């Protein structure tokens, strides 16, 4: 699901320390895909389907991004 359908692309988003710490605990080979998925979701509203623990971390971060967007909008 995309939160940003039919809306202007965002130029910024809040990246919390907890996001960084969770991603840094992941294997190096998974970190980039998670960072990219988070940025793409937060800035463009495009959901990326990640599998396994990468998907679990991304889904938790995605929920927080959605919460932050509700507060800001």
Protein backbone atom coordinates (compact mmCIF):
# COMPACT_ATOMS: atom_id res chain seq x y z
CA UNK A 1 0.00 0.00 0.00
CA UNK A 2 1.25 3.45 -0.80
CA UNK A 3 0.51 6.37 1.52
CA UNK A 4 1.45 9.02 -1.02
CA UNK A 5 -0.79 8.12 -3.98
CA UNK A 6 -1.73 11.08 -6.19
CA UNK A 7 0.31 13.47 -4.07
CA UNK A 8 3.45 15.47 -4.65
CA UNK A 9 6.68 13.64 -3.90
CA UNK A 10 8.23 14.66 -0.60
CA UNK A 11 11.58 16.38 -0.35
CA UNK A 12 12.39 15.16 3.19
CA UNK A 13 11.40 12.80 5.98
CA UNK A 14 12.31 12.10 9.59
CA UNK A 15 14.90 9.34 9.96
CA UNK A 16 15.02 8.24 13.58
CA UNK A 17 18.03 6.84 15.42
CA UNK A 18 15.97 3.71 16.11
CA UNK A 19 15.72 3.14 12.32
CA UNK A 20 19.50 3.39 12.03
CA UNK A 21 20.13 1.08 14.98
CA UNK A 22 17.71 -1.57 13.73
CA UNK A 23 19.16 -1.54 10.21
CA UNK A 24 22.75 -1.60 11.47
CA UNK A 25 22.00 -4.83 13.36
CA UNK A 26 21.14 -6.50 10.05
CA UNK A 27 23.77 -8.30 7.95
CA UNK A 28 25.72 -5.88 5.75
CA UNK A 29 24.35 -7.51 2.59
CA UNK A 30 20.78 -6.57 3.65
CA UNK A 31 21.35 -3.05 4.92
CA UNK A 32 21.39 -1.23 1.59
CA UNK A 33 18.12 -2.77 0.41
CA UNK A 34 16.44 -1.67 3.65
CA UNK A 35 17.84 1.87 3.52
CA UNK A 36 16.68 2.19 -0.09
CA UNK A 37 13.24 0.76 0.69
CA UNK A 38 12.81 3.19 3.61
CA UNK A 39 13.87 6.21 1.54
CA UNK A 40 11.73 5.19 -1.43
CA UNK A 41 8.69 4.69 0.79
CA UNK A 42 9.13 7.88 2.78
CA UNK A 43 9.93 10.15 -0.19
CA UNK A 44 7.96 8.59 -3.04
CA UNK A 45 5.26 6.59 -1.28
CA UNK A 46 6.38 3.44 -3.10
CA UNK A 47 6.24 0.20 -1.15
CA UNK A 48 9.00 -2.35 -1.63
CA UNK A 49 8.40 -5.98 -0.74
CA UNK A 50 11.36 -7.30 1.21
CA UNK A 51 11.55 -10.85 2.48
CA UNK A 52 12.60 -12.35 5.79
CA UNK A 53 14.11 -10.25 8.54
CA UNK A 54 14.73 -7.37 6.11
CA UNK A 55 10.99 -7.25 5.47
CA UNK A 56 10.23 -7.35 9.19
CA UNK A 57 12.53 -4.41 9.92
CA UNK A 58 11.18 -2.46 6.96
CA UNK A 59 7.55 -3.05 7.99
CA UNK A 60 8.22 -1.75 11.50
CA UNK A 61 9.93 1.37 10.13
CA UNK A 62 7.18 1.85 7.56
CA UNK A 63 4.53 1.86 10.30
CA UNK A 64 6.45 4.60 12.14
CA UNK A 65 6.78 6.65 8.94
CA UNK A 66 3.01 6.39 8.50
CA UNK A 67 2.45 7.55 12.09
CA UNK A 68 4.78 10.51 11.59
CA UNK A 69 2.99 11.49 8.36
CA UNK A 70 -0.38 11.50 10.13
CA UNK A 71 1.02 13.85 12.78
CA UNK A 72 2.54 16.19 10.21
CA UNK A 73 -0.39 16.23 7.77
